[in-house]
Amino acid sequence: MVTARIFMIAGLGNPEKKYFQTRHNIGFMVVDRLAQQNALKFGKPRFDSEYVSTVYKQDKLFLVKPQSYMNKSGFPIQKLASYFKINISNIIVVHDDIDLPFGRLRISKSRGHGGHNGIRSIIEALGTKDFIRIRIGIANPERQNSVTGHVLGDFSKEETKFIAELIEKAADASMSVIKDGALAAMNSYNSI
């Protein structure tokens, strides 16, 4: 008999409505897409998160959107993982990455925060970096002093044409980690 595993896919973002369509909220968008694909609705916030659970094949899956703002994402994720006994190696975090060109996707594990405050918070809260990340390229702003404005800004008109496809690809990559394992998912998606 196969033992059921428990996974968490946590998308990072900021909870206020004014941030919904910003580059920094692409993690929320991916988790929303996964919920939509599975006809799931998020319940009332608990553990400083909006989350919903489902069964995928024999595994339990939590879709999570921390509601504590990006730079404090770690505490809600740690609380949920602790309460539901989710192994850190089964936590998949989806987030924006300014060090990747727009639209590029990378799956990584046991990687440093790279200056991303949400990831820094998660590493601090979990006490380790041994979780899986789906990094979605939003490109670096031309002027280094405008990073905050870039990540908290809306996607450009040109970028908007590709957002739905990018979100779909990141959602598929997240599920591939669960279905095929992290290494196989990396081999499939990191070469694109």
N, C-alpha and C. Protein backbone atom coordinates (compact mmCIF):
# COMPACT_ATOMS: atom_id res chain seq x y z
N MET A 1 0.84 -1.19 0.00
CA MET A 1 0.00 0.00 0.00
C MET A 1 0.88 1.26 0.00
N VAL A 2 0.51 2.22 -0.84
CA VAL A 2 1.28 3.46 -0.95
C VAL A 2 0.86 4.42 0.17
N THR A 3 1.86 4.97 0.86
CA THR A 3 1.57 5.93 1.92
C THR A 3 1.29 7.30 1.31
N ALA A 4 0.22 7.92 1.74
CA ALA A 4 -0.13 9.25 1.24
C ALA A 4 0.89 10.27 1.73
N ARG A 5 1.23 11.17 0.85
CA ARG A 5 2.12 12.27 1.21
C ARG A 5 1.29 13.55 1.36
N ILE A 6 1.87 14.54 2.01
CA ILE A 6 1.19 15.83 2.15
C ILE A 6 2.08 16.90 1.53
N PHE A 7 1.52 17.67 0.61
CA PHE A 7 2.26 18.73 -0.08
C PHE A 7 1.62 20.08 0.18
N MET A 8 2.43 21.11 0.11
CA MET A 8 1.94 22.48 0.14
C MET A 8 2.49 23.21 -1.08
N ILE A 9 1.61 23.88 -1.82
CA ILE A 9 2.05 24.82 -2.84
C ILE A 9 1.66 26.19 -2.33
N ALA A 10 2.66 27.00 -1.98
CA ALA A 10 2.43 28.32 -1.43
C ALA A 10 2.84 29.37 -2.46
N GLY A 11 1.90 30.20 -2.86
CA GLY A 11 2.20 31.31 -3.76
C GLY A 11 2.42 32.56 -2.93
N LEU A 12 3.45 33.31 -3.27
CA LEU A 12 3.75 34.52 -2.51
C LEU A 12 3.14 35.76 -3.16
N GLY A 13 2.76 36.70 -2.31
CA GLY A 13 2.17 37.95 -2.80
C GLY A 13 1.84 38.85 -1.62
N ASN A 14 1.14 39.92 -1.91
CA ASN A 14 0.66 40.86 -0.89
C ASN A 14 -0.86 40.85 -0.91
N PRO A 15 -1.50 40.89 0.26
CA PRO A 15 -2.95 40.67 0.33
C PRO A 15 -3.85 41.82 -0.11
N GLU A 16 -3.38 43.04 -0.09
CA GLU A 16 -4.28 44.14 -0.42
C GLU A 16 -4.68 44.14 -1.89
N LYS A 17 -5.91 44.58 -2.14
CA LYS A 17 -6.46 44.57 -3.49
C LYS A 17 -5.60 45.34 -4.49
N LYS A 18 -4.98 46.43 -4.04
CA LYS A 18 -4.17 47.25 -4.94
C LYS A 18 -2.95 46.50 -5.48
N TYR A 19 -2.59 45.38 -4.86
CA TYR A 19 -1.43 44.61 -5.31
C TYR A 19 -1.81 43.41 -6.19
N PHE A 20 -3.09 43.14 -6.36
CA PHE A 20 -3.53 41.90 -6.99
C PHE A 20 -2.89 41.61 -8.34
N GLN A 21 -2.75 42.61 -9.20
CA GLN A 21 -2.23 42.38 -10.55
C GLN A 21 -0.78 42.82 -10.72
N THR A 22 -0.05 42.92 -9.62
CA THR A 22 1.34 43.36 -9.70
C THR A 22 2.28 42.17 -9.92
N ARG A 23 3.49 42.50 -10.36
CA ARG A 23 4.49 41.45 -10.62
C ARG A 23 4.78 40.63 -9.36
N HIS A 24 4.83 41.30 -8.21
CA HIS A 24 5.16 40.62 -6.95
C HIS A 24 4.09 39.59 -6.56
N ASN A 25 2.90 39.69 -7.14
CA ASN A 25 1.80 38.79 -6.77
C ASN A 25 1.62 37.62 -7.72
N ILE A 26 2.59 37.36 -8.56
CA ILE A 26 2.42 36.28 -9.52
C ILE A 26 2.29 34.92 -8.83
N GLY A 27 2.88 34.77 -7.64
CA GLY A 27 2.71 33.53 -6.87
C GLY A 27 1.26 33.30 -6.49
N PHE A 28 0.58 34.36 -6.04
CA PHE A 28 -0.86 34.27 -5.73
C PHE A 28 -1.64 33.86 -6.99
N MET A 29 -1.28 34.45 -8.12
CA MET A 29 -1.99 34.17 -9.37
C MET A 29 -1.89 32.70 -9.75
N VAL A 30 -0.71 32.11 -9.54
CA VAL A 30 -0.50 30.69 -9.87
C VAL A 30 -1.35 29.81 -8.95
N VAL A 31 -1.35 30.11 -7.65
CA VAL A 31 -2.14 29.31 -6.71
C VAL A 31 -3.64 29.48 -6.99
N ASP A 32 -4.06 30.69 -7.35
CA ASP A 32 -5.46 30.91 -7.74
C ASP A 32 -5.82 30.06 -8.96
N ARG A 33 -4.89 29.95 -9.91
CA ARG A 33 -5.13 29.15 -11.12
C ARG A 33 -5.26 27.67 -10.75
N LEU A 34 -4.40 27.20 -9.87
CA LEU A 34 -4.49 25.79 -9.44
C LEU A 34 -5.83 25.52 -8.74
N ALA A 35 -6.27 26.46 -7.91
CA ALA A 35 -7.58 26.30 -7.25
C ALA A 35 -8.69 26.27 -8.28
N GLN A 36 -8.61 27.16 -9.27
CA GLN A 36 -9.62 27.22 -10.32
C GLN A 36 -9.66 25.92 -11.12
N GLN A 37 -8.50 25.40 -11.47
CA GLN A 37 -8.42 24.14 -12.24
C GLN A 37 -9.10 22.99 -11.50
N ASN A 38 -9.06 23.04 -10.18
CA ASN A 38 -9.60 21.95 -9.36
C ASN A 38 -10.95 22.31 -8.72
N ALA A 39 -11.55 23.41 -9.19
CA ALA A 39 -12.85 23.88 -8.69
C ALA A 39 -12.86 24.01 -7.16
N LEU A 40 -11.79 24.61 -6.62
CA LEU A 40 -11.65 24.78 -5.18
C LEU A 40 -11.83 26.25 -4.81
N LYS A 41 -12.39 26.49 -3.63
CA LYS A 41 -12.57 27.86 -3.14
C LYS A 41 -11.84 28.00 -1.81
N PHE A 42 -11.14 29.12 -1.66
CA PHE A 42 -10.43 29.38 -0.41
C PHE A 42 -11.42 29.71 0.69
N GLY A 43 -11.15 29.20 1.88
CA GLY A 43 -12.00 29.47 3.03
C GLY A 43 -11.58 30.74 3.74
N LYS A 44 -12.16 30.96 4.90
CA LYS A 44 -11.78 32.12 5.71
C LYS A 44 -10.32 31.98 6.13
N PRO A 45 -9.60 33.11 6.18
CA PRO A 45 -8.18 33.03 6.56
C PRO A 45 -7.98 32.37 7.92
N ARG A 46 -6.96 31.56 7.98
CA ARG A 46 -6.55 30.87 9.20
C ARG A 46 -5.04 30.71 9.14
N PHE A 47 -4.36 30.75 10.25
CA PHE A 47 -2.90 30.70 10.27
C PHE A 47 -2.30 31.84 9.43
N ASP A 48 -2.95 32.99 9.42
CA ASP A 48 -2.50 34.14 8.60
C ASP A 48 -2.39 33.78 7.12
N SER A 49 -3.27 32.89 6.65
CA SER A 49 -3.25 32.45 5.26
C SER A 49 -4.65 32.21 4.75
N GLU A 50 -4.81 32.36 3.45
CA GLU A 50 -5.96 31.78 2.77
C GLU A 50 -5.45 30.44 2.26
N TYR A 51 -6.17 29.37 2.54
CA TYR A 51 -5.74 28.08 2.02
C TYR A 51 -6.94 27.19 1.77
N VAL A 52 -6.69 26.18 0.96
CA VAL A 52 -7.70 25.17 0.66
C VAL A 52 -6.95 23.86 0.47
N SER A 53 -7.58 22.76 0.82
CA SER A 53 -6.92 21.47 0.65
C SER A 53 -7.76 20.58 -0.25
N THR A 54 -7.07 19.64 -0.88
CA THR A 54 -7.73 18.69 -1.76
C THR A 54 -6.90 17.41 -1.75
N VAL A 55 -7.40 16.38 -2.40
CA VAL A 55 -6.64 15.15 -2.56
C VAL A 55 -6.28 15.04 -4.04
N TYR A 56 -4.99 14.86 -4.30
CA TYR A 56 -4.51 14.67 -5.67
C TYR A 56 -3.94 13.26 -5.74
N LYS A 57 -4.59 12.40 -6.55
CA LYS A 57 -4.28 10.97 -6.55
C LYS A 57 -4.42 10.50 -5.10
N GLN A 58 -3.35 9.96 -4.49
CA GLN A 58 -3.50 9.55 -3.08
C GLN A 58 -2.93 10.59 -2.12
N ASP A 59 -2.38 11.66 -2.65
CA ASP A 59 -1.70 12.66 -1.80
C ASP A 59 -2.63 13.80 -1.40
N LYS A 60 -2.36 14.37 -0.24
CA LYS A 60 -3.08 15.56 0.23
C LYS A 60 -2.31 16.79 -0.25
N LEU A 61 -3.04 17.77 -0.73
CA LEU A 61 -2.41 18.98 -1.27
C LEU A 61 -3.06 20.22 -0.67
N PHE A 62 -2.24 21.10 -0.13
CA PHE A 62 -2.69 22.40 0.37
C PHE A 62 -2.24 23.48 -0.60
N LEU A 63 -3.18 24.33 -1.01
CA LEU A 63 -2.86 25.52 -1.79
C LEU A 63 -2.94 26.70 -0.84
N VAL A 64 -1.88 27.50 -0.77
CA VAL A 64 -1.74 28.49 0.30
C VAL A 64 -1.36 29.86 -0.27
N LYS A 65 -2.01 30.90 0.28
CA LYS A 65 -1.63 32.28 0.00
C LYS A 65 -1.44 32.99 1.34
N PRO A 66 -0.20 33.14 1.80
CA PRO A 66 0.03 33.85 3.06
C PRO A 66 -0.55 35.27 3.00
N GLN A 67 -1.18 35.70 4.08
CA GLN A 67 -1.84 37.02 4.10
C GLN A 67 -1.10 38.02 4.98
N SER A 68 0.17 37.78 5.22
CA SER A 68 0.93 38.61 6.15
C SER A 68 1.90 39.56 5.44
N TYR A 69 1.71 39.76 4.16
CA TYR A 69 2.61 40.54 3.32
C TYR A 69 3.87 39.75 3.02
N MET A 70 4.44 40.08 1.86
CA MET A 70 5.55 39.34 1.29
C MET A 70 6.70 39.12 2.28
N ASN A 71 7.15 40.19 2.94
CA ASN A 71 8.35 40.06 3.75
C ASN A 71 8.14 39.33 5.08
N LYS A 72 6.90 38.87 5.33
CA LYS A 72 6.63 38.06 6.53
C LYS A 72 5.94 36.74 6.13
N SER A 73 6.18 36.28 4.91
CA SER A 73 5.54 35.06 4.39
C SER A 73 5.91 33.81 5.17
N GLY A 74 7.07 33.81 5.79
CA GLY A 74 7.56 32.59 6.43
C GLY A 74 6.73 32.10 7.59
N PHE A 75 6.23 33.02 8.40
CA PHE A 75 5.50 32.60 9.60
C PHE A 75 4.21 31.84 9.28
N PRO A 76 3.37 32.33 8.37
CA PRO A 76 2.17 31.55 8.02
C PRO A 76 2.51 30.18 7.43
N ILE A 77 3.52 30.14 6.58
CA ILE A 77 3.91 28.86 5.96
C ILE A 77 4.41 27.89 7.02
N GLN A 78 5.22 28.38 7.94
CA GLN A 78 5.73 27.53 9.02
C GLN A 78 4.60 27.02 9.91
N LYS A 79 3.64 27.90 10.24
CA LYS A 79 2.51 27.50 11.10
C LYS A 79 1.69 26.39 10.44
N LEU A 80 1.37 26.58 9.16
CA LEU A 80 0.59 25.58 8.43
C LEU A 80 1.35 24.25 8.32
N ALA A 81 2.62 24.34 7.96
CA ALA A 81 3.43 23.12 7.81
C ALA A 81 3.52 22.37 9.13
N SER A 82 3.69 23.09 10.22
CA SER A 82 3.78 22.46 11.54
C SER A 82 2.44 21.82 11.93
N TYR A 83 1.35 22.57 11.76
CA TYR A 83 0.04 22.08 12.18
C TYR A 83 -0.38 20.83 11.39
N PHE A 84 -0.16 20.86 10.06
CA PHE A 84 -0.59 19.74 9.22
C PHE A 84 0.51 18.72 8.97
N LYS A 85 1.66 18.89 9.66
CA LYS A 85 2.77 17.94 9.59
C LYS A 85 3.25 17.73 8.14
N ILE A 86 3.52 18.85 7.47
CA ILE A 86 4.02 18.82 6.10
C ILE A 86 5.54 18.87 6.13
N ASN A 87 6.18 17.87 5.54
CA ASN A 87 7.64 17.84 5.47
C ASN A 87 8.14 19.04 4.68
N ILE A 88 9.21 19.63 5.12
CA ILE A 88 9.76 20.81 4.44
C ILE A 88 10.11 20.48 2.99
N SER A 89 10.56 19.27 2.73
CA SER A 89 10.91 18.88 1.35
C SER A 89 9.68 18.79 0.44
N ASN A 90 8.47 18.82 1.04
CA ASN A 90 7.22 18.78 0.26
C ASN A 90 6.55 20.15 0.17
N ILE A 91 7.29 21.20 0.54
CA ILE A 91 6.78 22.57 0.41
C ILE A 91 7.31 23.16 -0.89
N ILE A 92 6.40 23.63 -1.73
CA ILE A 92 6.73 24.24 -3.02
C ILE A 92 6.30 25.70 -2.95
N VAL A 93 7.25 26.60 -3.10
CA VAL A 93 6.98 28.04 -3.00
C VAL A 93 7.08 28.65 -4.40
N VAL A 94 6.03 29.34 -4.82
CA VAL A 94 5.98 29.97 -6.14
C VAL A 94 6.12 31.47 -5.96
N HIS A 95 7.10 32.07 -6.66
CA HIS A 95 7.33 33.50 -6.46
C HIS A 95 7.99 34.15 -7.67
N ASP A 96 7.95 35.47 -7.68
CA ASP A 96 8.59 36.27 -8.73
C ASP A 96 10.10 36.29 -8.52
N ASP A 97 10.84 36.51 -9.61
CA ASP A 97 12.30 36.60 -9.51
C ASP A 97 12.80 37.63 -10.52
N ILE A 98 13.38 38.73 -10.01
CA ILE A 98 13.86 39.78 -10.92
C ILE A 98 15.16 39.39 -11.61
N ASP A 99 15.82 38.34 -11.15
CA ASP A 99 17.08 37.93 -11.76
C ASP A 99 16.88 37.00 -12.96
N LEU A 100 15.63 36.69 -13.27
CA LEU A 100 15.32 35.90 -14.47
C LEU A 100 14.62 36.79 -15.48
N PRO A 101 14.90 36.58 -16.77
CA PRO A 101 14.17 37.35 -17.79
C PRO A 101 12.67 37.09 -17.69
N PHE A 102 11.89 38.05 -18.12
CA PHE A 102 10.44 37.89 -18.05
C PHE A 102 10.02 36.59 -18.76
N GLY A 103 9.19 35.82 -18.08
CA GLY A 103 8.64 34.60 -18.67
C GLY A 103 9.46 33.35 -18.45
N ARG A 104 10.71 33.49 -18.03
CA ARG A 104 11.55 32.32 -17.77
C ARG A 104 11.14 31.70 -16.46
N LEU A 105 11.20 30.39 -16.39
CA LEU A 105 10.77 29.67 -15.20
C LEU A 105 11.90 28.75 -14.75
N ARG A 106 12.17 28.72 -13.47
CA ARG A 106 13.20 27.83 -12.93
C ARG A 106 12.69 27.15 -11.67
N ILE A 107 12.92 25.85 -11.59
CA ILE A 107 12.62 25.09 -10.38
C ILE A 107 13.94 24.86 -9.67
N SER A 108 13.97 25.15 -8.38
CA SER A 108 15.22 24.95 -7.63
C SER A 108 14.90 24.44 -6.23
N LYS A 109 15.94 23.93 -5.58
CA LYS A 109 15.79 23.43 -4.22
C LYS A 109 17.04 23.80 -3.43
N SER A 110 16.86 24.04 -2.14
CA SER A 110 17.98 24.31 -1.23
C SER A 110 18.83 25.48 -1.72
N ARG A 111 18.18 26.52 -2.16
CA ARG A 111 18.87 27.69 -2.71
C ARG A 111 18.71 28.87 -1.74
N GLY A 112 19.68 29.77 -1.71
CA GLY A 112 19.60 30.97 -0.87
C GLY A 112 18.48 31.90 -1.32
N HIS A 113 18.23 32.93 -0.54
CA HIS A 113 17.11 33.82 -0.83
C HIS A 113 17.34 34.76 -2.01
N GLY A 114 18.60 35.01 -2.38
CA GLY A 114 18.89 35.86 -3.54
C GLY A 114 18.33 37.27 -3.42
N GLY A 115 18.16 37.74 -2.19
CA GLY A 115 17.64 39.10 -1.99
C GLY A 115 16.12 39.19 -1.98
N HIS A 116 15.44 38.07 -2.15
CA HIS A 116 13.96 38.08 -2.14
C HIS A 116 13.48 38.03 -0.69
N ASN A 117 12.80 39.07 -0.25
CA ASN A 117 12.41 39.17 1.16
C ASN A 117 11.42 38.09 1.60
N GLY A 118 10.54 37.67 0.72
CA GLY A 118 9.61 36.60 1.06
C GLY A 118 10.34 35.29 1.30
N ILE A 119 11.30 34.98 0.45
CA ILE A 119 12.09 33.75 0.60
C ILE A 119 12.98 33.84 1.84
N ARG A 120 13.55 35.01 2.08
CA ARG A 120 14.36 35.21 3.29
C ARG A 120 13.53 34.89 4.53
N SER A 121 12.29 35.39 4.56
CA SER A 121 11.40 35.16 5.69
C SER A 121 11.08 33.67 5.86
N ILE A 122 10.88 32.97 4.76
CA ILE A 122 10.57 31.53 4.82
C ILE A 122 11.76 30.75 5.35
N ILE A 123 12.96 31.06 4.85
CA ILE A 123 14.17 30.38 5.32
C ILE A 123 14.34 30.60 6.82
N GLU A 124 14.12 31.83 7.27
CA GLU A 124 14.26 32.13 8.71
C GLU A 124 13.22 31.38 9.54
N ALA A 125 11.96 31.37 9.06
CA ALA A 125 10.89 30.72 9.83
C ALA A 125 11.04 29.20 9.87
N LEU A 126 11.46 28.60 8.76
CA LEU A 126 11.60 27.14 8.71
C LEU A 126 12.94 26.68 9.27
N GLY A 127 13.91 27.59 9.33
CA GLY A 127 15.24 27.23 9.81
C GLY A 127 16.05 26.45 8.80
N THR A 128 15.62 26.46 7.55
CA THR A 128 16.32 25.73 6.48
C THR A 128 15.88 26.29 5.13
N LYS A 129 16.68 26.00 4.12
CA LYS A 129 16.32 26.39 2.74
C LYS A 129 15.97 25.16 1.90
N ASP A 130 15.72 24.03 2.56
CA ASP A 130 15.48 22.76 1.86
C ASP A 130 14.05 22.57 1.37
N PHE A 131 13.47 23.62 0.82
CA PHE A 131 12.15 23.51 0.18
C PHE A 131 12.33 23.78 -1.31
N ILE A 132 11.30 23.54 -2.05
CA ILE A 132 11.35 23.68 -3.51
C ILE A 132 10.79 25.04 -3.90
N ARG A 133 11.40 25.64 -4.90
CA ARG A 133 10.94 26.94 -5.37
C ARG A 133 10.64 26.89 -6.86
N ILE A 134 9.54 27.50 -7.23
CA ILE A 134 9.22 27.76 -8.64
C ILE A 134 9.45 29.25 -8.82
N ARG A 135 10.53 29.62 -9.48
CA ARG A 135 10.91 31.02 -9.67
C ARG A 135 10.42 31.49 -11.03
N ILE A 136 9.66 32.57 -11.03
CA ILE A 136 9.07 33.09 -12.28
C ILE A 136 9.72 34.43 -12.61
N GLY A 137 10.36 34.48 -13.76
CA GLY A 137 11.07 35.69 -14.16
C GLY A 137 10.15 36.86 -14.44
N ILE A 138 10.46 37.98 -13.78
CA ILE A 138 9.73 39.22 -14.06
C ILE A 138 10.70 40.29 -14.58
N ALA A 139 11.95 39.92 -14.82
CA ALA A 139 13.01 40.78 -15.35
C ALA A 139 13.43 41.85 -14.35
N ASN A 140 14.64 42.28 -14.52
CA ASN A 140 15.20 43.31 -13.66
C ASN A 140 14.86 44.68 -14.25
N PRO A 141 14.49 45.65 -13.41
CA PRO A 141 14.21 46.98 -13.96
C PRO A 141 15.49 47.58 -14.53
N GLU A 142 15.34 48.45 -15.51
CA GLU A 142 16.51 49.07 -16.13
C GLU A 142 17.31 49.89 -15.13
N ARG A 143 16.63 50.58 -14.26
CA ARG A 143 17.31 51.38 -13.23
C ARG A 143 17.23 50.63 -11.90
N GLN A 144 18.37 50.35 -11.31
CA GLN A 144 18.44 49.56 -10.09
C GLN A 144 17.67 50.20 -8.93
N ASN A 145 17.58 51.55 -8.93
CA ASN A 145 16.90 52.21 -7.81
C ASN A 145 15.38 52.13 -7.92
N SER A 146 14.88 51.46 -8.96
CA SER A 146 13.42 51.36 -9.11
C SER A 146 12.91 49.93 -8.91
N VAL A 147 13.67 49.09 -8.18
CA VAL A 147 13.28 47.69 -7.97
C VAL A 147 11.91 47.61 -7.29
N THR A 148 11.71 48.38 -6.22
CA THR A 148 10.43 48.33 -5.49
C THR A 148 9.27 48.71 -6.40
N GLY A 149 9.44 49.79 -7.15
CA GLY A 149 8.40 50.22 -8.09
C GLY A 149 8.13 49.16 -9.15
N HIS A 150 9.19 48.46 -9.57
CA HIS A 150 9.05 47.42 -10.60
C HIS A 150 8.25 46.24 -10.07
N VAL A 151 8.65 45.70 -8.92
CA VAL A 151 7.98 44.50 -8.42
C VAL A 151 6.54 44.80 -7.96
N LEU A 152 6.31 46.01 -7.46
CA LEU A 152 4.97 46.37 -7.01
C LEU A 152 4.14 47.02 -8.12
N GLY A 153 4.72 47.09 -9.31
CA GLY A 153 4.01 47.68 -10.44
C GLY A 153 3.23 46.63 -11.23
N ASP A 154 2.27 47.11 -12.01
CA ASP A 154 1.50 46.23 -12.88
C ASP A 154 2.37 45.73 -14.03
N PHE A 155 1.99 44.62 -14.60
CA PHE A 155 2.68 44.12 -15.78
C PHE A 155 2.48 45.11 -16.93
N SER A 156 3.49 45.22 -17.79
CA SER A 156 3.38 46.11 -18.94
C SER A 156 2.35 45.55 -19.91
N LYS A 157 1.95 46.38 -20.85
CA LYS A 157 0.97 45.96 -21.86
C LYS A 157 1.49 44.75 -22.63
N GLU A 158 2.77 44.78 -22.97
CA GLU A 158 3.39 43.68 -23.71
C GLU A 158 3.42 42.40 -22.86
N GLU A 159 3.81 42.55 -21.58
CA GLU A 159 3.87 41.39 -20.68
C GLU A 159 2.50 40.77 -20.47
N THR A 160 1.48 41.62 -20.40
CA THR A 160 0.11 41.15 -20.13
C THR A 160 -0.35 40.13 -21.17
N LYS A 161 0.15 40.23 -22.38
CA LYS A 161 -0.22 39.28 -23.45
C LYS A 161 0.20 37.85 -23.11
N PHE A 162 1.23 37.73 -22.28
CA PHE A 162 1.80 36.40 -22.00
C PHE A 162 1.52 35.89 -20.59
N ILE A 163 0.85 36.70 -19.78
CA ILE A 163 0.65 36.34 -18.37
C ILE A 163 -0.12 35.04 -18.19
N ALA A 164 -1.24 34.89 -18.89
CA ALA A 164 -2.07 33.67 -18.72
C ALA A 164 -1.26 32.43 -19.04
N GLU A 165 -0.48 32.48 -20.10
CA GLU A 165 0.34 31.34 -20.50
C GLU A 165 1.43 31.06 -19.46
N LEU A 166 2.03 32.12 -18.93
CA LEU A 166 3.07 31.99 -17.92
C LEU A 166 2.52 31.39 -16.62
N ILE A 167 1.36 31.85 -16.21
CA ILE A 167 0.72 31.32 -15.00
C ILE A 167 0.39 29.84 -15.18
N GLU A 168 -0.11 29.50 -16.36
CA GLU A 168 -0.44 28.09 -16.66
C GLU A 168 0.81 27.23 -16.59
N LYS A 169 1.90 27.72 -17.16
CA LYS A 169 3.16 26.96 -17.17
C LYS A 169 3.67 26.76 -15.74
N ALA A 170 3.60 27.80 -14.92
CA ALA A 170 4.06 27.69 -13.53
C ALA A 170 3.16 26.74 -12.72
N ALA A 171 1.85 26.77 -13.00
CA ALA A 171 0.92 25.84 -12.33
C ALA A 171 1.26 24.40 -12.71
N ASP A 172 1.52 24.18 -14.01
CA ASP A 172 1.89 22.84 -14.47
C ASP A 172 3.21 22.39 -13.84
N ALA A 173 4.17 23.31 -13.74
CA ALA A 173 5.47 22.97 -13.14
C ALA A 173 5.30 22.58 -11.67
N SER A 174 4.44 23.30 -10.96
CA SER A 174 4.18 22.99 -9.55
C SER A 174 3.64 21.57 -9.40
N MET A 175 2.68 21.22 -10.25
CA MET A 175 2.09 19.88 -10.17
C MET A 175 3.07 18.81 -10.64
N SER A 176 3.96 19.17 -11.57
CA SER A 176 4.97 18.22 -12.04
C SER A 176 5.91 17.82 -10.91
N VAL A 177 6.22 18.75 -10.02
CA VAL A 177 7.06 18.42 -8.86
C VAL A 177 6.41 17.31 -8.04
N ILE A 178 5.09 17.39 -7.87
CA ILE A 178 4.36 16.39 -7.09
C ILE A 178 4.25 15.08 -7.86
N LYS A 179 3.88 15.16 -9.13
CA LYS A 179 3.67 13.96 -9.96
C LYS A 179 4.96 13.22 -10.27
N ASP A 180 5.98 13.98 -10.70
CA ASP A 180 7.17 13.38 -11.28
C ASP A 180 8.40 13.46 -10.38
N GLY A 181 8.33 14.28 -9.31
CA GLY A 181 9.49 14.49 -8.46
C GLY A 181 10.23 15.75 -8.89
N ALA A 182 10.95 16.34 -7.94
CA ALA A 182 11.61 17.63 -8.18
C ALA A 182 12.64 17.55 -9.29
N LEU A 183 13.44 16.49 -9.31
CA LEU A 183 14.51 16.39 -10.30
C LEU A 183 13.97 16.28 -11.71
N ALA A 184 12.95 15.44 -11.90
CA ALA A 184 12.34 15.29 -13.23
C ALA A 184 11.68 16.60 -13.67
N ALA A 185 11.03 17.28 -12.72
CA ALA A 185 10.40 18.57 -13.04
C ALA A 185 11.45 19.60 -13.43
N MET A 186 12.57 19.61 -12.72
CA MET A 186 13.67 20.52 -13.08
C MET A 186 14.16 20.25 -14.48
N ASN A 187 14.36 18.97 -14.80
CA ASN A 187 14.85 18.60 -16.13
C ASN A 187 13.88 19.02 -17.22
N SER A 188 12.59 18.95 -16.94
CA SER A 188 11.58 19.33 -17.93
C SER A 188 11.46 20.83 -18.10
N TYR A 189 11.39 21.56 -16.98
CA TYR A 189 11.05 22.98 -17.05
C TYR A 189 12.26 23.92 -17.07
N ASN A 190 13.38 23.50 -16.51
CA ASN A 190 14.53 24.40 -16.47
C ASN A 190 15.23 24.52 -17.81
N SER A 191 14.90 23.63 -18.73
CA SER A 191 15.53 23.69 -20.06
C SER A 191 14.72 24.53 -21.05
N ILE A 192 13.53 24.96 -20.64
CA ILE A 192 12.65 25.73 -21.54
C ILE A 192 13.14 27.17 -21.61
